[in-house]
Amino acid sequence: MSEENVEIVRRAIEAYGREGLDGVLRYYHPEIEWTSTGDYIEAATYRGHNGLRRYLGTMEDEFKDLRIVPVELIDAGEQVISSVRFTGRGKASDVPVEMTLISVGWLRDGLIHRVHNYPGMAAALEAAGLRE
C-alpha cells in the first residue's frame, strides 16, 4: 500500500502543476486538514476542499508562472514525506522566487486526508517516525 501512497502524492503534485486547483482536489479527502507552519503562507490549519483552495490559492495570488516539481517522496507507510520545489515570479515584483516545501501527508482509502508542513526534512522525518 505504501508505494501506492507515494504514487498518489506524486499524481497530486503533477495534477496541480498541470491543472491547478481543480485538478488536484480529486486526490484529497473532502475533509482534508492541511496545517501550514507559516514559513510561506499564514500559519493555520485549512479544512476541507474550500480550505485547500484558500491555502493553495494564496500561492496563485502571489506568484505567476508557478511551477511545482517533486524533489523527493519518501515512503513512510501510511504517510508520505515530500520535498516539493516551487518556482515562479512575484506578481507584484516580477522577482524570481524559488522555495522548497517539506510536508508529511497521511493517506486513507486512497486519498490524502491530512498534511502538515515542516520547516525542514529532519522535523518531517521525526514526525513520520523516521530518523535522518
C-alpha atoms as a PDB file:
ATOM      1  CA  MET A   1       0.000   0.000   0.000  1.00  0.00           C
ATOM      2  CA  SER A   2       2.795   2.454   0.811  1.00  0.00           C
ATOM      3  CA  GLU A   3       4.177   2.537  -2.754  1.00  0.00           C
ATOM      4  CA  GLU A   4       0.629   3.303  -3.861  1.00  0.00           C
ATOM      5  CA  ASN A   5       0.556   6.191  -1.388  1.00  0.00           C
ATOM      6  CA  VAL A   6       3.762   7.646  -2.847  1.00  0.00           C
ATOM      7  CA  GLU A   7       2.236   7.387  -6.321  1.00  0.00           C
ATOM      8  CA  ILE A   8      -0.961   9.141  -5.176  1.00  0.00           C
ATOM      9  CA  VAL A   9       1.085  12.029  -3.764  1.00  0.00           C
ATOM     10  CA  ARG A  10       3.157  12.205  -6.967  1.00  0.00           C
ATOM     11  CA  ARG A  11      -0.005  12.291  -9.084  1.00  0.00           C
ATOM     12  CA  ALA A  12      -1.485  15.030  -6.876  1.00  0.00           C
ATOM     13  CA  ILE A  13       1.629  17.212  -7.273  1.00  0.00           C
ATOM     14  CA  GLU A  14       1.692  16.636 -11.023  1.00  0.00           C
ATOM     15  CA  ALA A  15      -2.061  17.324 -11.323  1.00  0.00           C
ATOM     16  CA  TYR A  16      -1.634  20.642  -9.549  1.00  0.00           C
ATOM     17  CA  GLY A  17       1.163  21.547 -11.932  1.00  0.00           C
ATOM     18  CA  ARG A  18      -0.939  20.650 -14.986  1.00  0.00           C
ATOM     19  CA  GLU A  19      -4.473  21.523 -13.931  1.00  0.00           C
ATOM     20  CA  GLY A  20      -4.239  23.780 -10.903  1.00  0.00           C
ATOM     21  CA  LEU A  21      -6.672  23.640  -8.015  1.00  0.00           C
ATOM     22  CA  ASP A  22      -9.458  21.865  -9.874  1.00  0.00           C
ATOM     23  CA  GLY A  23      -7.155  19.036 -10.944  1.00  0.00           C
ATOM     24  CA  VAL A  24      -5.651  18.409  -7.535  1.00  0.00           C
ATOM     25  CA  LEU A  25      -8.843  18.136  -5.463  1.00  0.00           C
ATOM     26  CA  ARG A  26      -9.620  14.595  -6.637  1.00  0.00           C
ATOM     27  CA  TYR A  27      -6.575  13.362  -4.662  1.00  0.00           C
ATOM     28  CA  TYR A  28      -7.680  14.944  -1.375  1.00  0.00           C
ATOM     29  CA  HIS A  29     -10.303  13.734   1.046  1.00  0.00           C
ATOM     30  CA  PRO A  30     -13.280  16.142   1.270  1.00  0.00           C
ATOM     31  CA  GLU A  31     -12.379  16.677   4.949  1.00  0.00           C
ATOM     32  CA  ILE A  32      -8.663  17.309   4.318  1.00  0.00           C
ATOM     33  CA  GLU A  33      -6.773  19.147   7.060  1.00  0.00           C
ATOM     34  CA  TRP A  34      -3.633  20.986   5.931  1.00  0.00           C
ATOM     35  CA  THR A  35      -1.516  22.683   8.587  1.00  0.00           C
ATOM     36  CA  SER A  36       0.934  25.349   7.455  1.00  0.00           C
ATOM     37  CA  THR A  37       3.949  26.389   9.514  1.00  0.00           C
ATOM     38  CA  GLY A  38       3.682  29.983   8.383  1.00  0.00           C
ATOM     39  CA  ASP A  39       7.034  29.880   6.587  1.00  0.00           C
ATOM     40  CA  TYR A  40       5.418  30.715   3.237  1.00  0.00           C
ATOM     41  CA  ILE A  41       1.719  31.139   3.928  1.00  0.00           C
ATOM     42  CA  GLU A  42      -0.054  32.175   7.120  1.00  0.00           C
ATOM     43  CA  ALA A  43       0.264  29.603   9.910  1.00  0.00           C
ATOM     44  CA  ALA A  44      -3.127  27.940  10.121  1.00  0.00           C
ATOM     45  CA  THR A  45      -4.999  24.708   9.586  1.00  0.00           C
ATOM     46  CA  TYR A  46      -7.061  24.715   6.407  1.00  0.00           C
ATOM     47  CA  ARG A  47     -10.016  22.321   6.358  1.00  0.00           C
ATOM     48  CA  GLY A  48     -11.959  20.720   3.529  1.00  0.00           C
ATOM     49  CA  HIS A  49     -11.694  21.361  -0.185  1.00  0.00           C
ATOM     50  CA  ASN A  50     -12.589  25.030   0.335  1.00  0.00           C
ATOM     51  CA  GLY A  51      -9.768  25.380   2.843  1.00  0.00           C
ATOM     52  CA  LEU A  52      -7.375  23.701   0.420  1.00  0.00           C
ATOM     53  CA  ARG A  53      -8.496  26.144  -2.271  1.00  0.00           C
ATOM     54  CA  ARG A  54      -7.711  29.060   0.083  1.00  0.00           C
ATOM     55  CA  TYR A  55      -4.311  27.639   1.043  1.00  0.00           C
ATOM     56  CA  LEU A  56      -3.121  26.836  -2.484  1.00  0.00           C
ATOM     57  CA  GLY A  57      -4.933  29.841  -3.952  1.00  0.00           C
ATOM     58  CA  THR A  58      -2.762  32.132  -1.846  1.00  0.00           C
ATOM     59  CA  MET A  59       0.281  30.995  -3.832  1.00  0.00           C
ATOM     60  CA  GLU A  60      -1.529  31.557  -7.094  1.00  0.00           C
ATOM     61  CA  ASP A  61      -2.475  35.059  -5.920  1.00  0.00           C
ATOM     62  CA  GLU A  62       1.164  35.903  -5.099  1.00  0.00           C
ATOM     63  CA  PHE A  63       3.068  34.234  -7.961  1.00  0.00           C
ATOM     64  CA  LYS A  64       2.896  33.943 -11.717  1.00  0.00           C
ATOM     65  CA  ASP A  65       4.495  31.242 -13.867  1.00  0.00           C
ATOM     66  CA  LEU A  66       4.171  28.942 -10.848  1.00  0.00           C
ATOM     67  CA  ARG A  67       5.832  25.561 -11.367  1.00  0.00           C
ATOM     68  CA  ILE A  68       5.772  22.717  -8.876  1.00  0.00           C
ATOM     69  CA  VAL A  69       8.170  19.775  -9.059  1.00  0.00           C
ATOM     70  CA  PRO A  70       8.542  16.876  -6.624  1.00  0.00           C
ATOM     71  CA  VAL A  71      12.157  16.712  -5.441  1.00  0.00           C
ATOM     72  CA  GLU A  72      11.845  13.705  -3.132  1.00  0.00           C
ATOM     73  CA  LEU A  73       8.974  11.494  -1.995  1.00  0.00           C
ATOM     74  CA  ILE A  74       9.697   9.141   0.892  1.00  0.00           C
ATOM     75  CA  ASP A  75       7.566   6.109   1.683  1.00  0.00           C
ATOM     76  CA  ALA A  76       6.725   6.093   5.392  1.00  0.00           C
ATOM     77  CA  GLY A  77       3.919   3.508   5.412  1.00  0.00           C
ATOM     78  CA  GLU A  78       0.574   5.269   5.671  1.00  0.00           C
ATOM     79  CA  GLN A  79       2.468   8.552   5.394  1.00  0.00           C
ATOM     80  CA  VAL A  80       4.451  10.141   2.595  1.00  0.00           C
ATOM     81  CA  ILE A  81       7.161  12.689   3.257  1.00  0.00           C
ATOM     82  CA  SER A  82       7.502  15.102   0.377  1.00  0.00           C
ATOM     83  CA  SER A  83      10.003  17.704  -0.645  1.00  0.00           C
ATOM     84  CA  VAL A  84       8.495  19.876  -3.370  1.00  0.00           C
ATOM     85  CA  ARG A  85      10.133  22.791  -5.200  1.00  0.00           C
ATOM     86  CA  PHE A  86       8.021  25.795  -6.155  1.00  0.00           C
ATOM     87  CA  THR A  87       9.353  28.292  -8.679  1.00  0.00           C
ATOM     88  CA  GLY A  88       7.751  31.332 -10.210  1.00  0.00           C
ATOM     89  CA  ARG A  89       7.840  35.105 -10.258  1.00  0.00           C
ATOM     90  CA  GLY A  90       6.281  37.525  -7.831  1.00  0.00           C
ATOM     91  CA  LYS A  91       3.171  39.065  -9.404  1.00  0.00           C
ATOM     92  CA  ALA A  92       3.848  42.490  -7.917  1.00  0.00           C
ATOM     93  CA  SER A  93       7.649  42.499  -8.162  1.00  0.00           C
ATOM     94  CA  ASP A  94       8.366  40.154 -11.096  1.00  0.00           C
ATOM     95  CA  VAL A  95      11.285  38.856  -8.987  1.00  0.00           C
ATOM     96  CA  PRO A  96      12.102  35.144  -9.450  1.00  0.00           C
ATOM     97  CA  VAL A  97      11.116  33.026  -6.463  1.00  0.00           C
ATOM     98  CA  GLU A  98      12.213  29.507  -5.555  1.00  0.00           C
ATOM     99  CA  MET A  99      11.198  27.697  -2.389  1.00  0.00           C
ATOM    100  CA  THR A 100      11.091  24.150  -1.108  1.00  0.00           C
ATOM    101  CA  LEU A 101       8.153  22.908   0.916  1.00  0.00           C
ATOM    102  CA  ILE A 102       8.619  19.881   3.191  1.00  0.00           C
ATOM    103  CA  SER A 103       5.426  18.082   4.229  1.00  0.00           C
ATOM    104  CA  VAL A 104       4.120  14.857   5.660  1.00  0.00           C
ATOM    105  CA  GLY A 105       0.899  13.592   4.129  1.00  0.00           C
ATOM    106  CA  TRP A 106      -1.314  10.960   5.741  1.00  0.00           C
ATOM    107  CA  LEU A 107      -3.405   8.853   3.384  1.00  0.00           C
ATOM    108  CA  ARG A 108      -6.559   6.872   3.968  1.00  0.00           C
ATOM    109  CA  ASP A 109      -8.658   4.964   1.444  1.00  0.00           C
ATOM    110  CA  GLY A 110      -6.533   6.205  -1.444  1.00  0.00           C
ATOM    111  CA  LEU A 111      -6.929   9.904  -0.587  1.00  0.00           C
ATOM    112  CA  ILE A 112      -4.723  12.411   1.194  1.00  0.00           C
ATOM    113  CA  HIS A 113      -6.629  13.295   4.361  1.00  0.00           C
ATOM    114  CA  ARG A 114      -4.071  15.267   6.376  1.00  0.00           C
ATOM    115  CA  VAL A 115      -0.944  17.273   5.522  1.00  0.00           C
ATOM    116  CA  HIS A 116       1.421  19.062   7.848  1.00  0.00           C
ATOM    117  CA  ASN A 117       4.231  21.323   6.645  1.00  0.00           C
ATOM    118  CA  TYR A 118       7.600  21.267   8.430  1.00  0.00           C
ATOM    119  CA  PRO A 119      10.500  23.735   8.449  1.00  0.00           C
ATOM    120  CA  GLY A 120      12.961  21.040   7.344  1.00  0.00           C
ATOM    121  CA  MET A 121      13.438  17.406   6.433  1.00  0.00           C
ATOM    122  CA  ALA A 122      14.677  16.359   9.899  1.00  0.00           C
ATOM    123  CA  ALA A 123      11.439  17.535  11.544  1.00  0.00           C
ATOM    124  CA  ALA A 124       9.326  15.818   8.881  1.00  0.00           C
ATOM    125  CA  LEU A 125      11.213  12.531   9.256  1.00  0.00           C
ATOM    126  CA  GLU A 126      10.785  12.670  13.016  1.00  0.00           C
ATOM    127  CA  ALA A 127       7.055  13.378  12.695  1.00  0.00           C
ATOM    128  CA  ALA A 128       6.718  10.328  10.457  1.00  0.00           C
ATOM    129  CA  GLY A 129       8.598   8.156  12.947  1.00  0.00           C
ATOM    130  CA  LEU A 130      11.797   8.025  10.909  1.00  0.00           C
ATOM    131  CA  ARG A 131      15.240   9.403  11.626  1.00  0.00           C
ATOM    132  CA  GLU A 132      17.515  11.228   9.210  1.00  0.00           C
END
